[in-house]
C-alpha atoms as a PDB file:
ATOM      1  CA  MET A   1      22.772  75.067  26.075  1.00  0.00           C
ATOM      2  CA  THR A   2      19.741  76.894  24.826  1.00  0.00           C
ATOM      3  CA  LYS A   3      16.386  76.579  26.563  1.00  0.00           C
ATOM      4  CA  VAL A   4      14.827  74.965  23.475  1.00  0.00           C
ATOM      5  CA  LYS A   5      17.605  72.354  23.275  1.00  0.00           C
ATOM      6  CA  PHE A   6      17.293  71.620  26.993  1.00  0.00           C
ATOM      7  CA  GLU A   7      13.531  71.159  26.750  1.00  0.00           C
ATOM      8  CA  ALA A   8      13.969  68.819  23.776  1.00  0.00           C
ATOM      9  CA  GLU A   9      16.608  66.607  25.399  1.00  0.00           C
ATOM     10  CA  PHE A  10      15.981  66.681  29.153  1.00  0.00           C
ATOM     11  CA  ASP A  11      13.174  65.998  31.599  1.00  0.00           C
ATOM     12  CA  ASN A  12      11.827  69.218  33.078  1.00  0.00           C
ATOM     13  CA  LEU A  13      11.159  67.783  36.564  1.00  0.00           C
ATOM     14  CA  THR A  14      14.378  65.848  37.240  1.00  0.00           C
ATOM     15  CA  LYS A  15      16.711  67.644  34.793  1.00  0.00           C
ATOM     16  CA  LEU A  16      17.946  64.230  33.594  1.00  0.00           C
ATOM     17  CA  ALA A  17      18.175  63.211  29.942  1.00  0.00           C
ATOM     18  CA  ASN A  18      14.841  62.160  28.463  1.00  0.00           C
ATOM     19  CA  ARG A  19      14.172  58.790  26.793  1.00  0.00           C
ATOM     20  CA  LYS A  20      14.951  59.947  23.259  1.00  0.00           C
ATOM     21  CA  SER A  21      18.277  61.598  24.066  1.00  0.00           C
ATOM     22  CA  PHE A  22      19.302  58.682  26.314  1.00  0.00           C
ATOM     23  CA  ILE A  23      18.606  56.129  23.560  1.00  0.00           C
ATOM     24  CA  GLU A  24      20.706  58.192  21.150  1.00  0.00           C
ATOM     25  CA  TYR A  25      23.508  58.384  23.737  1.00  0.00           C
ATOM     26  CA  VAL A  26      23.479  54.617  24.364  1.00  0.00           C
ATOM     27  CA  ASP A  27      23.423  53.848  20.628  1.00  0.00           C
ATOM     28  CA  GLN A  28      26.397  56.162  20.056  1.00  0.00           C
ATOM     29  CA  ARG A  29      28.279  54.747  23.020  1.00  0.00           C
ATOM     30  CA  VAL A  30      27.751  51.160  21.922  1.00  0.00           C
ATOM     31  CA  ALA A  31      28.789  51.977  18.357  1.00  0.00           C
ATOM     32  CA  SER A  32      31.919  53.839  19.383  1.00  0.00           C
ATOM     33  CA  TYR A  33      33.347  52.659  22.681  1.00  0.00           C
ATOM     34  CA  ALA A  34      31.275  50.173  24.673  1.00  0.00           C
ATOM     35  CA  ASN A  35      33.526  47.562  26.229  1.00  0.00           C
ATOM     36  CA  ASP A  36      33.422  44.725  28.724  1.00  0.00           C
ATOM     37  CA  SER A  37      32.979  47.195  31.565  1.00  0.00           C
ATOM     38  CA  SER A  38      29.916  49.028  30.182  1.00  0.00           C
ATOM     39  CA  TYR A  39      26.539  48.288  31.759  1.00  0.00           C
ATOM     40  CA  LEU A  40      23.066  49.695  31.497  1.00  0.00           C
ATOM     41  CA  VAL A  41      21.312  49.841  34.852  1.00  0.00           C
ATOM     42  CA  ALA A  42      17.589  50.492  35.200  1.00  0.00           C
ATOM     43  CA  TRP A  43      15.649  51.327  38.350  1.00  0.00           C
ATOM     44  CA  ASP A  44      11.850  51.339  38.503  1.00  0.00           C
ATOM     45  CA  ILE A  45       9.657  52.515  41.374  1.00  0.00           C
ATOM     46  CA  VAL A  46       7.238  49.671  42.081  1.00  0.00           C
ATOM     47  CA  ASN A  47       3.565  50.694  42.430  1.00  0.00           C
ATOM     48  CA  PHE A  48       4.328  54.334  41.684  1.00  0.00           C
ATOM     49  CA  ARG A  49       0.757  54.974  40.565  1.00  0.00           C
ATOM     50  CA  ARG A  50      -0.400  54.022  44.061  1.00  0.00           C
ATOM     51  CA  ILE A  51       1.970  56.576  45.621  1.00  0.00           C
ATOM     52  CA  ASN A  52       0.625  59.196  43.239  1.00  0.00           C
ATOM     53  CA  ASP A  53      -3.008  58.268  43.990  1.00  0.00           C
ATOM     54  CA  ILE A  54      -2.613  58.176  47.786  1.00  0.00           C
ATOM     55  CA  HIS A  55      -0.288  61.134  48.350  1.00  0.00           C
ATOM     56  CA  GLY A  56      -0.927  63.311  45.307  1.00  0.00           C
ATOM     57  CA  GLN A  57       1.136  64.504  42.371  1.00  0.00           C
ATOM     58  CA  GLY A  58       3.226  66.989  44.380  1.00  0.00           C
ATOM     59  CA  TYR A  59       4.432  64.281  46.741  1.00  0.00           C
ATOM     60  CA  ALA A  60       5.045  61.859  43.868  1.00  0.00           C
ATOM     61  CA  ASP A  61       7.087  64.514  42.049  1.00  0.00           C
ATOM     62  CA  GLN A  62       9.196  65.006  45.192  1.00  0.00           C
ATOM     63  CA  VAL A  63       9.860  61.256  45.252  1.00  0.00           C
ATOM     64  CA  LEU A  64      11.012  61.365  41.610  1.00  0.00           C
ATOM     65  CA  VAL A  65      13.277  64.355  42.213  1.00  0.00           C
ATOM     66  CA  ARG A  66      14.802  62.776  45.341  1.00  0.00           C
ATOM     67  CA  LEU A  67      15.351  59.512  43.485  1.00  0.00           C
ATOM     68  CA  SER A  68      17.047  61.295  40.577  1.00  0.00           C
ATOM     69  CA  GLU A  69      19.314  63.240  42.960  1.00  0.00           C
ATOM     70  CA  GLN A  70      20.438  60.058  44.702  1.00  0.00           C
ATOM     71  CA  LEU A  71      21.005  58.269  41.403  1.00  0.00           C
ATOM     72  CA  LEU A  72      23.123  61.149  40.131  1.00  0.00           C
ATOM     73  CA  LEU A  73      25.232  61.167  43.298  1.00  0.00           C
ATOM     74  CA  LEU A  74      25.848  57.437  43.166  1.00  0.00           C
ATOM     75  CA  THR A  75      26.465  57.366  39.415  1.00  0.00           C
ATOM     76  CA  ASN A  76      28.864  60.312  39.449  1.00  0.00           C
ATOM     77  CA  HIS A  77      30.730  58.874  42.450  1.00  0.00           C
ATOM     78  CA  ASN A  78      31.114  55.509  40.718  1.00  0.00           C
ATOM     79  CA  GLN A  79      32.253  57.015  37.427  1.00  0.00           C
ATOM     80  CA  ASN A  80      34.820  59.227  39.174  1.00  0.00           C
ATOM     81  CA  LYS A  81      36.105  56.245  41.167  1.00  0.00           C
ATOM     82  CA  MET A  82      36.462  54.281  37.906  1.00  0.00           C
ATOM     83  CA  GLY A  83      38.380  57.179  36.357  1.00  0.00           C
ATOM     84  CA  VAL A  84      35.828  57.944  33.654  1.00  0.00           C
ATOM     85  CA  GLY A  85      33.652  60.951  33.079  1.00  0.00           C
ATOM     86  CA  CYS A  86      29.917  61.197  33.335  1.00  0.00           C
ATOM     87  CA  SER A  87      28.018  62.671  30.408  1.00  0.00           C
ATOM     88  CA  ASP A  88      24.837  64.702  30.899  1.00  0.00           C
ATOM     89  CA  TYR A  89      23.182  61.976  28.827  1.00  0.00           C
ATOM     90  CA  SER A  90      24.452  58.944  30.771  1.00  0.00           C
ATOM     91  CA  MET A  91      21.581  59.181  33.276  1.00  0.00           C
ATOM     92  CA  SER A  92      17.939  59.316  32.226  1.00  0.00           C
ATOM     93  CA  ARG A  93      14.398  59.539  33.414  1.00  0.00           C
ATOM     94  CA  TYR A  94      13.461  56.869  30.914  1.00  0.00           C
ATOM     95  CA  GLY A  95       9.774  56.718  31.766  1.00  0.00           C
ATOM     96  CA  SER A  96       7.413  58.183  34.316  1.00  0.00           C
ATOM     97  CA  ASN A  97       8.922  56.152  37.166  1.00  0.00           C
ATOM     98  CA  THR A  98      11.867  54.464  35.434  1.00  0.00           C
ATOM     99  CA  PHE A  99      15.447  55.689  35.499  1.00  0.00           C
ATOM    100  CA  CYS A 100      18.402  54.352  33.500  1.00  0.00           C
ATOM    101  CA  ALA A 101      22.139  54.929  33.617  1.00  0.00           C
ATOM    102  CA  VAL A 102      25.201  53.747  31.759  1.00  0.00           C
ATOM    103  CA  LEU A 103      27.842  52.698  34.276  1.00  0.00           C
ATOM    104  CA  THR A 104      31.420  51.571  34.028  1.00  0.00           C
ATOM    105  CA  SER A 105      32.174  48.642  36.290  1.00  0.00           C
ATOM    106  CA  PRO A 106      34.901  45.969  36.276  1.00  0.00           C
ATOM    107  CA  THR A 107      32.428  43.054  36.386  1.00  0.00           C
ATOM    108  CA  LEU A 108      28.737  42.290  36.093  1.00  0.00           C
ATOM    109  CA  ASP A 109      28.644  41.300  39.777  1.00  0.00           C
ATOM    110  CA  ASN A 110      30.211  44.629  40.708  1.00  0.00           C
ATOM    111  CA  ALA A 111      27.617  46.496  38.598  1.00  0.00           C
ATOM    112  CA  LYS A 112      24.811  44.566  40.316  1.00  0.00           C
ATOM    113  CA  ALA A 113      26.296  45.353  43.730  1.00  0.00           C
ATOM    114  CA  LEU A 114      26.471  49.031  42.844  1.00  0.00           C
ATOM    115  CA  ALA A 115      22.838  49.024  41.696  1.00  0.00           C
ATOM    116  CA  SER A 116      21.852  47.318  44.973  1.00  0.00           C
ATOM    117  CA  LEU A 117      23.894  49.809  46.990  1.00  0.00           C
ATOM    118  CA  PHE A 118      21.713  52.500  45.510  1.00  0.00           C
ATOM    119  CA  ARG A 119      18.672  50.955  47.188  1.00  0.00           C
ATOM    120  CA  THR A 120      20.282  51.202  50.620  1.00  0.00           C
ATOM    121  CA  ARG A 121      21.452  54.776  50.131  1.00  0.00           C
ATOM    122  CA  PHE A 122      18.169  55.857  48.607  1.00  0.00           C
ATOM    123  CA  PHE A 123      16.094  54.458  51.458  1.00  0.00           C
ATOM    124  CA  LYS A 124      18.303  56.192  54.052  1.00  0.00           C
ATOM    125  CA  ALA A 125      18.154  59.505  52.192  1.00  0.00           C
ATOM    126  CA  PHE A 126      14.436  59.079  51.583  1.00  0.00           C
ATOM    127  CA  GLN A 127      13.643  58.456  55.233  1.00  0.00           C
ATOM    128  CA  SER A 128      15.857  61.314  56.424  1.00  0.00           C
ATOM    129  CA  SER A 129      13.976  63.682  54.081  1.00  0.00           C
ATOM    130  CA  GLY A 130      10.717  63.179  55.977  1.00  0.00           C
ATOM    131  CA  PHE A 131       8.897  61.039  53.423  1.00  0.00           C
ATOM    132  CA  SER A 132       6.386  58.767  55.079  1.00  0.00           C
ATOM    133  CA  SER A 133       5.631  56.037  52.546  1.00  0.00           C
ATOM    134  CA  HIS A 134       7.553  52.889  51.793  1.00  0.00           C
ATOM    135  CA  ILE A 135       9.166  52.968  48.355  1.00  0.00           C
ATOM    136  CA  GLU A 136      10.210  49.772  46.611  1.00  0.00           C
ATOM    137  CA  VAL A 137      12.642  49.962  43.706  1.00  0.00           C
ATOM    138  CA  ALA A 138      13.126  47.155  41.180  1.00  0.00           C
ATOM    139  CA  MET A 139      16.337  47.054  39.152  1.00  0.00           C
ATOM    140  CA  ALA A 140      17.984  45.412  36.171  1.00  0.00           C
ATOM    141  CA  VAL A 141      21.592  45.329  34.954  1.00  0.00           C
ATOM    142  CA  ILE A 142      22.418  44.615  31.312  1.00  0.00           C
ATOM    143  CA  PRO A 143      25.920  44.376  29.771  1.00  0.00           C
ATOM    144  CA  LEU A 144      26.287  46.677  26.760  1.00  0.00           C
ATOM    145  CA  THR A 145      28.834  44.525  24.968  1.00  0.00           C
ATOM    146  CA  ASN A 146      26.692  41.687  23.721  1.00  0.00           C
ATOM    147  CA  ASN A 147      24.840  42.535  20.506  1.00  0.00           C
ATOM    148  CA  GLN A 148      21.794  40.588  21.700  1.00  0.00           C
ATOM    149  CA  HIS A 149      21.637  42.648  24.904  1.00  0.00           C
ATOM    150  CA  VAL A 150      22.037  45.903  23.017  1.00  0.00           C
ATOM    151  CA  LYS A 151      18.944  45.141  20.943  1.00  0.00           C
ATOM    152  CA  MET A 152      17.033  43.814  23.941  1.00  0.00           C
ATOM    153  CA  TRP A 153      17.493  46.622  26.478  1.00  0.00           C
ATOM    154  CA  GLN A 154      14.963  49.010  24.949  1.00  0.00           C
ATOM    155  CA  LYS A 155      12.277  46.306  25.010  1.00  0.00           C
ATOM    156  CA  GLY A 156      12.870  45.287  28.618  1.00  0.00           C
END
């Protein structure tokens, strides 16, 4: 991949897909092979601006990088366990403190449990890395099979 292409499609800090390339990936996936086991999961750091204001941009950037690393580990582990691959575009830094992923999971409840498991693993990894502040992560899980949900996810 060329440097120009990387800069156009990926976030420089986290090395995850950016919003534009992630939206294109999700649209293509839904159009071609979304099924009953495809879910979009979003994680958002609550009060991220406060973390940035109190601890500074360098610290806040470290939080974002650590979060993206943990999300990648969990997402890749889940996809491998489900017997499906993980595209470079299936995980995104969707906004300044929002991350999204497309996951394969047998049920909605299983997808929600996986998203919740991330919280536990993230907090353990976060604390063991020497970070001192409390980080709260909100999450949402949306099935990618219902046409109504597909149109709604970008708004939510």
